[in-house]
Amino acid sequence: PGHVVIQEYAAPAKIPEAVTRRRLSDVLLSLPSA
């Protein structure tokens, strides 16, 4: 009610950490408007 909770799953080891961060940032940036 009135809120959204995001839970991040552990990314596969083959995916660079910087890529994981960027994708999470995309989620956090786009979700409020969506």
Full PDB file with SEQRES, HELIX, SHEET, SSBOND, CRYST1, ORIGX, SCALE, CONECT and MASTER records, all heavy atoms in Angstrom:
SEQRES   1 A   34  PRO GLY HIS VAL VAL ILE GLN GLU TYR ALA ALA PRO ALA          
SEQRES   2 A   34  LYS ILE PRO GLU ALA VAL THR ARG ARG ARG LEU SER ASP          
SEQRES   3 A   34  VAL LEU LEU SER LEU PRO SER ALA                              
HELIX    1 AA1 GLU A   17  SER A   30  1                                  14    
CRYST1    1.000    1.000    1.000  90.00  90.00  90.00 P 1           1          
ORIGX1      1.000000  0.000000  0.000000        0.00000                         
ORIGX2      0.000000  1.000000  0.000000        0.00000                         
ORIGX3      0.000000  0.000000  1.000000        0.00000                         
SCALE1      1.000000  0.000000  0.000000        0.00000                         
SCALE2      0.000000  1.000000  0.000000        0.00000                         
SCALE3      0.000000  0.000000  1.000000        0.00000                         
ATOM      1  N   PRO A   1       0.818  -1.225   0.000  1.00  0.00           N  
ATOM      2  CA  PRO A   1       0.000   0.000   0.000  1.00  0.00           C  
ATOM      3  C   PRO A   1       0.851   1.274   0.000  1.00  0.00           C  
ATOM      4  O   PRO A   1       1.531   1.588   0.967  1.00  0.00           O  
ATOM      5  CB  PRO A   1      -0.797  -0.128   1.306  1.00  0.00           C  
ATOM      6  CG  PRO A   1      -0.914  -1.594   1.527  1.00  0.00           C  
ATOM      7  CD  PRO A   1       0.388  -2.162   1.056  1.00  0.00           C  
ATOM      8  N   GLY A   2       0.838   1.973  -1.132  1.00  0.00           N  
ATOM      9  CA  GLY A   2       1.542   3.242  -1.243  1.00  0.00           C  
ATOM     10  C   GLY A   2       3.039   3.138  -1.392  1.00  0.00           C  
ATOM     11  O   GLY A   2       3.719   4.164  -1.450  1.00  0.00           O  
ATOM     12  N   HIS A   3       3.595   1.927  -1.458  1.00  0.00           N  
ATOM     13  CA  HIS A   3       5.038   1.746  -1.514  1.00  0.00           C  
ATOM     14  C   HIS A   3       5.408   0.586  -2.439  1.00  0.00           C  
ATOM     15  O   HIS A   3       4.574  -0.266  -2.751  1.00  0.00           O  
ATOM     16  CB  HIS A   3       5.611   1.474  -0.125  1.00  0.00           C  
ATOM     17  CG  HIS A   3       5.485   2.623   0.820  1.00  0.00           C  
ATOM     18  ND1 HIS A   3       4.304   2.895   1.489  1.00  0.00           N  
ATOM     19  CD2 HIS A   3       6.373   3.577   1.211  1.00  0.00           C  
ATOM     20  CE1 HIS A   3       4.469   3.968   2.241  1.00  0.00           C  
ATOM     21  NE2 HIS A   3       5.706   4.399   2.097  1.00  0.00           N  
ATOM     22  N   VAL A   4       6.679   0.582  -2.828  1.00  0.00           N  
ATOM     23  CA  VAL A   4       7.216  -0.508  -3.637  1.00  0.00           C  
ATOM     24  C   VAL A   4       8.539  -0.947  -3.019  1.00  0.00           C  
ATOM     25  O   VAL A   4       9.352  -0.098  -2.625  1.00  0.00           O  
ATOM     26  CB  VAL A   4       7.448  -0.068  -5.104  1.00  0.00           C  
ATOM     27  CG1 VAL A   4       8.194  -1.155  -5.881  1.00  0.00           C  
ATOM     28  CG2 VAL A   4       6.126   0.230  -5.783  1.00  0.00           C  
ATOM     29  N   VAL A   5       8.743  -2.249  -2.911  1.00  0.00           N  
ATOM     30  CA  VAL A   5       9.988  -2.797  -2.378  1.00  0.00           C  
ATOM     31  C   VAL A   5      10.696  -3.569  -3.475  1.00  0.00           C  
ATOM     32  O   VAL A   5      10.100  -4.443  -4.121  1.00  0.00           O  
ATOM     33  CB  VAL A   5       9.737  -3.706  -1.159  1.00  0.00           C  
ATOM     34  CG1 VAL A   5      11.032  -4.402  -0.734  1.00  0.00           C  
ATOM     35  CG2 VAL A   5       9.175  -2.899  -0.002  1.00  0.00           C  
ATOM     36  N   ILE A   6      11.975  -3.223  -3.698  1.00  0.00           N  
ATOM     37  CA  ILE A   6      12.808  -3.918  -4.676  1.00  0.00           C  
ATOM     38  C   ILE A   6      13.791  -4.802  -3.927  1.00  0.00           C  
ATOM     39  O   ILE A   6      14.474  -4.342  -3.016  1.00  0.00           O  
ATOM     40  CB  ILE A   6      13.585  -2.925  -5.556  1.00  0.00           C  
ATOM     41  CG1 ILE A   6      12.634  -1.978  -6.277  1.00  0.00           C  
ATOM     42  CG2 ILE A   6      14.462  -3.660  -6.563  1.00  0.00           C  
ATOM     43  CD1 ILE A   6      13.346  -0.847  -7.003  1.00  0.00           C  
ATOM     44  N   GLN A   7      13.870  -6.056  -4.310  1.00  0.00           N  
ATOM     45  CA  GLN A   7      14.867  -6.968  -3.758  1.00  0.00           C  
ATOM     46  C   GLN A   7      15.797  -7.388  -4.888  1.00  0.00           C  
ATOM     47  O   GLN A   7      15.353  -7.926  -5.900  1.00  0.00           O  
ATOM     48  CB  GLN A   7      14.218  -8.190  -3.118  1.00  0.00           C  
ATOM     49  CG  GLN A   7      13.360  -7.847  -1.916  1.00  0.00           C  
ATOM     50  CD  GLN A   7      12.863  -9.081  -1.200  1.00  0.00           C  
ATOM     51  OE1 GLN A   7      13.642  -9.928  -0.794  1.00  0.00           O  
ATOM     52  NE2 GLN A   7      11.554  -9.191  -1.051  1.00  0.00           N  
ATOM     53  N   GLU A   8      17.069  -7.129  -4.692  1.00  0.00           N  
ATOM     54  CA  GLU A   8      18.060  -7.432  -5.722  1.00  0.00           C  
ATOM     55  C   GLU A   8      18.590  -8.842  -5.528  1.00  0.00           C  
ATOM     56  O   GLU A   8      19.049  -9.209  -4.453  1.00  0.00           O  
ATOM     57  CB  GLU A   8      19.207  -6.426  -5.634  1.00  0.00           C  
ATOM     58  CG  GLU A   8      20.279  -6.632  -6.692  1.00  0.00           C  
ATOM     59  CD  GLU A   8      21.471  -5.736  -6.461  1.00  0.00           C  
ATOM     60  OE1 GLU A   8      21.584  -5.164  -5.354  1.00  0.00           O  
ATOM     61  OE2 GLU A   8      22.287  -5.616  -7.381  1.00  0.00           O  
ATOM     62  N   TYR A   9      18.507  -9.657  -6.580  1.00  0.00           N  
ATOM     63  CA  TYR A   9      19.095 -10.986  -6.549  1.00  0.00           C  
ATOM     64  C   TYR A   9      20.594 -10.883  -6.816  1.00  0.00           C  
ATOM     65  O   TYR A   9      21.063  -9.956  -7.483  1.00  0.00           O  
ATOM     66  CB  TYR A   9      18.461 -11.894  -7.603  1.00  0.00           C  
ATOM     67  CG  TYR A   9      16.997 -12.216  -7.366  1.00  0.00           C  
ATOM     68  CD1 TYR A   9      16.044 -11.996  -8.356  1.00  0.00           C  
ATOM     69  CD2 TYR A   9      16.569 -12.743  -6.153  1.00  0.00           C  
ATOM     70  CE1 TYR A   9      14.708 -12.305  -8.154  1.00  0.00           C  
ATOM     71  CE2 TYR A   9      15.235 -13.051  -5.939  1.00  0.00           C  
ATOM     72  CZ  TYR A   9      14.308 -12.827  -6.938  1.00  0.00           C  
ATOM     73  OH  TYR A   9      12.987 -13.130  -6.731  1.00  0.00           O  
ATOM     74  N   ALA A  10      21.348 -11.837  -6.299  1.00  0.00           N  
ATOM     75  CA  ALA A  10      22.788 -11.861  -6.564  1.00  0.00           C  
ATOM     76  C   ALA A  10      23.021 -12.106  -8.050  1.00  0.00           C  
ATOM     77  O   ALA A  10      22.451 -13.026  -8.644  1.00  0.00           O  
ATOM     78  CB  ALA A  10      23.458 -12.945  -5.731  1.00  0.00           C  
ATOM     79  N   ALA A  11      23.859 -11.270  -8.653  1.00  0.00           N  
ATOM     80  CA  ALA A  11      24.139 -11.399 -10.080  1.00  0.00           C  
ATOM     81  C   ALA A  11      25.131 -12.538 -10.320  1.00  0.00           C  
ATOM     82  O   ALA A  11      25.974 -12.829  -9.463  1.00  0.00           O  
ATOM     83  CB  ALA A  11      24.716 -10.102 -10.619  1.00  0.00           C  
ATOM     84  N   PRO A  12      25.064 -13.196 -11.473  1.00  0.00           N  
ATOM     85  CA  PRO A  12      26.069 -14.217 -11.807  1.00  0.00           C  
ATOM     86  C   PRO A  12      27.468 -13.618 -11.790  1.00  0.00           C  
ATOM     87  O   PRO A  12      27.668 -12.448 -12.119  1.00  0.00           O  
ATOM     88  CB  PRO A  12      25.665 -14.645 -13.224  1.00  0.00           C  
ATOM     89  CG  PRO A  12      24.216 -14.287 -13.344  1.00  0.00           C  
ATOM     90  CD  PRO A  12      24.033 -13.056 -12.512  1.00  0.00           C  
ATOM     91  N   ALA A  13      28.433 -14.416 -11.395  1.00  0.00           N  
ATOM     92  CA  ALA A  13      29.810 -13.937 -11.251  1.00  0.00           C  
ATOM     93  C   ALA A  13      30.380 -13.415 -12.565  1.00  0.00           C  
ATOM     94  O   ALA A  13      31.269 -12.562 -12.563  1.00  0.00           O  
ATOM     95  CB  ALA A  13      30.687 -15.055 -10.697  1.00  0.00           C  
ATOM     96  N   LYS A  14      29.885 -13.914 -13.687  1.00  0.00           N  
ATOM     97  CA  LYS A  14      30.436 -13.514 -14.985  1.00  0.00           C  
ATOM     98  C   LYS A  14      30.040 -12.092 -15.384  1.00  0.00           C  
ATOM     99  O   LYS A  14      30.645 -11.509 -16.296  1.00  0.00           O  
ATOM    100  CB  LYS A  14      29.983 -14.493 -16.072  1.00  0.00           C  
ATOM    101  CG  LYS A  14      28.478 -14.500 -16.311  1.00  0.00           C  
ATOM    102  CD  LYS A  14      28.097 -15.505 -17.395  1.00  0.00           C  
ATOM    103  CE  LYS A  14      26.579 -15.497 -17.636  1.00  0.00           C  
ATOM    104  NZ  LYS A  14      26.189 -16.462 -18.677  1.00  0.00           N  
ATOM    105  N   ILE A  15      29.043 -11.526 -14.715  1.00  0.00           N  
ATOM    106  CA  ILE A  15      28.609 -10.172 -15.053  1.00  0.00           C  
ATOM    107  C   ILE A  15      29.422  -9.177 -14.232  1.00  0.00           C  
ATOM    108  O   ILE A  15      29.430  -9.248 -13.007  1.00  0.00           O  
ATOM    109  CB  ILE A  15      27.111  -9.982 -14.772  1.00  0.00           C  
ATOM    110  CG1 ILE A  15      26.290 -10.947 -15.641  1.00  0.00           C  
ATOM    111  CG2 ILE A  15      26.685  -8.536 -15.046  1.00  0.00           C  
ATOM    112  CD1 ILE A  15      24.802 -10.845 -15.433  1.00  0.00           C  
ATOM    113  N   PRO A  16      30.117  -8.238 -14.865  1.00  0.00           N  
ATOM    114  CA  PRO A  16      30.920  -7.249 -14.122  1.00  0.00           C  
ATOM    115  C   PRO A  16      30.066  -6.453 -13.140  1.00  0.00           C  
ATOM    116  O   PRO A  16      28.899  -6.139 -13.416  1.00  0.00           O  
ATOM    117  CB  PRO A  16      31.476  -6.343 -15.226  1.00  0.00           C  
ATOM    118  CG  PRO A  16      31.425  -7.174 -16.467  1.00  0.00           C  
ATOM    119  CD  PRO A  16      30.216  -8.057 -16.321  1.00  0.00           C  
ATOM    120  N   GLU A  17      30.663  -6.120 -12.018  1.00  0.00           N  
ATOM    121  CA  GLU A  17      29.933  -5.394 -10.980  1.00  0.00           C  
ATOM    122  C   GLU A  17      29.419  -4.055 -11.482  1.00  0.00           C  
ATOM    123  O   GLU A  17      28.322  -3.625 -11.135  1.00  0.00           O  
ATOM    124  CB  GLU A  17      30.835  -5.189  -9.764  1.00  0.00           C  
ATOM    125  CG  GLU A  17      30.123  -4.537  -8.599  1.00  0.00           C  
ATOM    126  CD  GLU A  17      31.048  -4.326  -7.412  1.00  0.00           C  
ATOM    127  OE1 GLU A  17      32.173  -4.856  -7.436  1.00  0.00           O  
ATOM    128  OE2 GLU A  17      30.638  -3.627  -6.481  1.00  0.00           O  
ATOM    129  N   ALA A  18      30.214  -3.382 -12.325  1.00  0.00           N  
ATOM    130  CA  ALA A  18      29.792  -2.083 -12.848  1.00  0.00           C  
ATOM    131  C   ALA A  18      28.511  -2.217 -13.670  1.00  0.00           C  
ATOM    132  O   ALA A  18      27.640  -1.335 -13.637  1.00  0.00           O  
ATOM    133  CB  ALA A  18      30.902  -1.471 -13.699  1.00  0.00           C  
ATOM    134  N   VAL A  19      28.376  -3.313 -14.410  1.00  0.00           N  
ATOM    135  CA  VAL A  19      27.169  -3.545 -15.214  1.00  0.00           C  
ATOM    136  C   VAL A  19      25.973  -3.767 -14.294  1.00  0.00           C  
ATOM    137  O   VAL A  19      24.881  -3.245 -14.515  1.00  0.00           O  
ATOM    138  CB  VAL A  19      27.375  -4.751 -16.153  1.00  0.00           C  
ATOM    139  CG1 VAL A  19      26.078  -5.088 -16.877  1.00  0.00           C  
ATOM    140  CG2 VAL A  19      28.487  -4.463 -17.152  1.00  0.00           C  
ATOM    141  N   THR A  20      26.185  -4.555 -13.227  1.00  0.00           N  
ATOM    142  CA  THR A  20      25.114  -4.810 -12.265  1.00  0.00           C  
ATOM    143  C   THR A  20      24.642  -3.507 -11.636  1.00  0.00           C  
ATOM    144  O   THR A  20      23.439  -3.266 -11.493  1.00  0.00           O  
ATOM    145  CB  THR A  20      25.609  -5.771 -11.172  1.00  0.00           C  
ATOM    146  OG1 THR A  20      26.038  -6.994 -11.773  1.00  0.00           O  
ATOM    147  CG2 THR A  20      24.512  -6.063 -10.175  1.00  0.00           C  
ATOM    148  N   ARG A  21      25.582  -2.653 -11.264  1.00  0.00           N  
ATOM    149  CA  ARG A  21      25.221  -1.363 -10.664  1.00  0.00           C  
ATOM    150  C   ARG A  21      24.401  -0.516 -11.625  1.00  0.00           C  
ATOM    151  O   ARG A  21      23.406   0.104 -11.252  1.00  0.00           O  
ATOM    152  CB  ARG A  21      26.483  -0.602 -10.273  1.00  0.00           C  
ATOM    153  CG  ARG A  21      27.279  -1.185  -9.125  1.00  0.00           C  
ATOM    154  CD  ARG A  21      28.452  -0.275  -8.855  1.00  0.00           C  
ATOM    155  NE  ARG A  21      29.362  -0.793  -7.863  1.00  0.00           N  
ATOM    156  CZ  ARG A  21      30.469  -0.174  -7.488  1.00  0.00           C  
ATOM    157  NH1 ARG A  21      30.792   0.978  -8.056  1.00  0.00           N  
ATOM    158  NH2 ARG A  21      31.262  -0.695  -6.574  1.00  0.00           N  
ATOM    159  N   ARG A  22      24.858  -0.477 -12.877  1.00  0.00           N  
ATOM    160  CA  ARG A  22      24.181   0.362 -13.856  1.00  0.00           C  
ATOM    161  C   ARG A  22      22.749  -0.126 -14.082  1.00  0.00           C  
ATOM    162  O   ARG A  22      21.818   0.684 -14.204  1.00  0.00           O  
ATOM    163  CB  ARG A  22      24.960   0.364 -15.166  1.00  0.00           C  
ATOM    164  CG  ARG A  22      24.398   1.331 -16.200  1.00  0.00           C  
ATOM    165  CD  ARG A  22      25.326   1.489 -17.382  1.00  0.00           C  
ATOM    166  NE  ARG A  22      25.532   0.258 -18.122  1.00  0.00           N  
ATOM    167  CZ  ARG A  22      26.668  -0.437 -18.142  1.00  0.00           C  
ATOM    168  NH1 ARG A  22      27.702  -0.014 -17.439  1.00  0.00           N  
ATOM    169  NH2 ARG A  22      26.772  -1.537 -18.835  1.00  0.00           N  
ATOM    170  N   ARG A  23      22.569  -1.443 -14.133  1.00  0.00           N  
ATOM    171  CA  ARG A  23      21.226  -1.970 -14.357  1.00  0.00           C  
ATOM    172  C   ARG A  23      20.318  -1.685 -13.166  1.00  0.00           C  
ATOM    173  O   ARG A  23      19.140  -1.363 -13.343  1.00  0.00           O  
ATOM    174  CB  ARG A  23      21.308  -3.474 -14.627  1.00  0.00           C  
ATOM    175  CG  ARG A  23      21.924  -3.791 -15.987  1.00  0.00           C  
ATOM    176  CD  ARG A  23      22.164  -5.270 -16.166  1.00  0.00           C  
ATOM    177  NE  ARG A  23      22.729  -5.555 -17.485  1.00  0.00           N  
ATOM    178  CZ  ARG A  23      23.199  -6.736 -17.860  1.00  0.00           C  
ATOM    179  NH1 ARG A  23      23.182  -7.749 -17.011  1.00  0.00           N  
ATOM    180  NH2 ARG A  23      23.699  -6.915 -19.080  1.00  0.00           N  
ATOM    181  N   LEU A  24      20.867  -1.789 -11.959  1.00  0.00           N  
ATOM    182  CA  LEU A  24      20.068  -1.471 -10.787  1.00  0.00           C  
ATOM    183  C   LEU A  24      19.707   0.012 -10.781  1.00  0.00           C  
ATOM    184  O   LEU A  24      18.593   0.393 -10.422  1.00  0.00           O  
ATOM    185  CB  LEU A  24      20.819  -1.845  -9.514  1.00  0.00           C  
ATOM    186  CG  LEU A  24      20.060  -1.599  -8.206  1.00  0.00           C  
ATOM    187  CD1 LEU A  24      18.772  -2.408  -8.164  1.00  0.00           C  
ATOM    188  CD2 LEU A  24      20.938  -1.933  -7.010  1.00  0.00           C  
ATOM    189  N   SER A  25      20.639   0.861 -11.182  1.00  0.00           N  
ATOM    190  CA  SER A  25      20.345   2.291 -11.276  1.00  0.00           C  
ATOM    191  C   SER A  25      19.226   2.542 -12.269  1.00  0.00           C  
ATOM    192  O   SER A  25      18.339   3.373 -12.030  1.00  0.00           O  
ATOM    193  CB  SER A  25      21.601   3.067 -11.689  1.00  0.00           C  
ATOM    194  OG  SER A  25      22.586   2.991 -10.688  1.00  0.00           O  
ATOM    195  N   ASP A  26      19.242   1.824 -13.406  1.00  0.00           N  
ATOM    196  CA  ASP A  26      18.176   1.960 -14.390  1.00  0.00           C  
ATOM    197  C   ASP A  26      16.817   1.604 -13.784  1.00  0.00           C  
ATOM    198  O   ASP A  26      15.812   2.280 -14.024  1.00  0.00           O  
ATOM    199  CB  ASP A  26      18.454   1.053 -15.595  1.00  0.00           C  
ATOM    200  CG  ASP A  26      19.492   1.633 -16.541  1.00  0.00           C  
ATOM    201  OD1 ASP A  26      19.856   2.811 -16.367  1.00  0.00           O  
ATOM    202  OD2 ASP A  26      19.940   0.907 -17.450  1.00  0.00           O  
ATOM    203  N   VAL A  27      16.799   0.521 -12.995  1.00  0.00           N  
ATOM    204  CA  VAL A  27      15.553   0.108 -12.344  1.00  0.00           C  
ATOM    205  C   VAL A  27      15.053   1.205 -11.415  1.00  0.00           C  
ATOM    206  O   VAL A  27      13.881   1.598 -11.443  1.00  0.00           O  
ATOM    207  CB  VAL A  27      15.764  -1.207 -11.567  1.00  0.00           C  
ATOM    208  CG1 VAL A  27      14.560  -1.494 -10.667  1.00  0.00           C  
ATOM    209  CG2 VAL A  27      15.992  -2.362 -12.524  1.00  0.00           C  
ATOM    210  N   LEU A  28      15.945   1.715 -10.581  1.00  0.00           N  
ATOM    211  CA  LEU A  28      15.555   2.716  -9.599  1.00  0.00           C  
ATOM    212  C   LEU A  28      15.155   4.038 -10.254  1.00  0.00           C  
ATOM    213  O   LEU A  28      14.295   4.760  -9.742  1.00  0.00           O  
ATOM    214  CB  LEU A  28      16.700   2.948  -8.616  1.00  0.00           C  
ATOM    215  CG  LEU A  28      16.967   1.781  -7.658  1.00  0.00           C  
ATOM    216  CD1 LEU A  28      18.332   1.925  -7.014  1.00  0.00           C  
ATOM    217  CD2 LEU A  28      15.885   1.701  -6.601  1.00  0.00           C  
ATOM    218  N   LEU A  29      15.786   4.359 -11.367  1.00  0.00           N  
ATOM    219  CA  LEU A  29      15.448   5.593 -12.074  1.00  0.00           C  
ATOM    220  C   LEU A  29      14.100   5.497 -12.781  1.00  0.00           C  
ATOM    221  O   LEU A  29      13.323   6.452 -12.794  1.00  0.00           O  
ATOM    222  CB  LEU A  29      16.537   5.921 -13.103  1.00  0.00           C  
ATOM    223  CG  LEU A  29      17.777   6.645 -12.583  1.00  0.00           C  
ATOM    224  CD1 LEU A  29      18.852   6.678 -13.656  1.00  0.00           C  
ATOM    225  CD2 LEU A  29      17.417   8.057 -12.156  1.00  0.00           C  
ATOM    226  N   SER A  30      13.831   4.364 -13.372  1.00  0.00           N  
ATOM    227  CA  SER A  30      12.651   4.256 -14.231  1.00  0.00           C  
ATOM    228  C   SER A  30      11.387   3.852 -13.482  1.00  0.00           C  
ATOM    229  O   SER A  30      10.279   4.177 -13.919  1.00  0.00           O  
ATOM    230  CB  SER A  30      12.919   3.238 -15.346  1.00  0.00           C  
ATOM    231  OG  SER A  30      13.249   1.968 -14.808  1.00  0.00           O  
ATOM    232  N   LEU A  31      11.530   3.179 -12.350  1.00  0.00           N  
ATOM    233  CA  LEU A  31      10.360   2.616 -11.683  1.00  0.00           C  
ATOM    234  C   LEU A  31       9.363   3.663 -11.186  1.00  0.00           C  
ATOM    235  O   LEU A  31       8.153   3.479 -11.349  1.00  0.00           O  
ATOM    236  CB  LEU A  31      10.823   1.715 -10.529  1.00  0.00           C  
ATOM    237  CG  LEU A  31       9.799   0.688 -10.041  1.00  0.00           C  
ATOM    238  CD1 LEU A  31       9.379  -0.236 -11.178  1.00  0.00           C  
ATOM    239  CD2 LEU A  31      10.378  -0.136  -8.899  1.00  0.00           C  
ATOM    240  N   PRO A  32       9.798   4.765 -10.537  1.00  0.00           N  
ATOM    241  CA  PRO A  32       8.798   5.727 -10.047  1.00  0.00           C  
ATOM    242  C   PRO A  32       7.864   6.236 -11.134  1.00  0.00           C  
ATOM    243  O   PRO A  32       6.648   6.315 -10.931  1.00  0.00           O  
ATOM    244  CB  PRO A  32       9.662   6.857  -9.466  1.00  0.00           C  
ATOM    245  CG  PRO A  32      10.920   6.176  -9.047  1.00  0.00           C  
ATOM    246  CD  PRO A  32      11.167   5.142 -10.119  1.00  0.00           C  
ATOM    247  N   SER A  33       8.418   6.564 -12.295  1.00  0.00           N  
ATOM    248  CA  SER A  33       7.566   7.058 -13.377  1.00  0.00           C  
ATOM    249  C   SER A  33       6.684   5.948 -13.935  1.00  0.00           C  
ATOM    250  O   SER A  33       5.511   6.165 -14.243  1.00  0.00           O  
ATOM    251  CB  SER A  33       8.429   7.643 -14.496  1.00  0.00           C  
ATOM    252  OG  SER A  33       9.082   8.810 -14.048  1.00  0.00           O  
ATOM    253  N   ALA A  34       7.260   4.758 -14.068  1.00  0.00           N  
ATOM    254  CA  ALA A  34       6.495   3.645 -14.625  1.00  0.00           C  
ATOM    255  C   ALA A  34       5.300   3.298 -13.748  1.00  0.00           C  
ATOM    256  O   ALA A  34       4.239   2.913 -14.246  1.00  0.00           O  
ATOM    257  CB  ALA A  34       7.398   2.428 -14.793  1.00  0.00           C  
TER     258      ALA A  34                                                      
MASTER        0    0    0    1    0    0    0    6  257    1    0    3          
END                                                                             
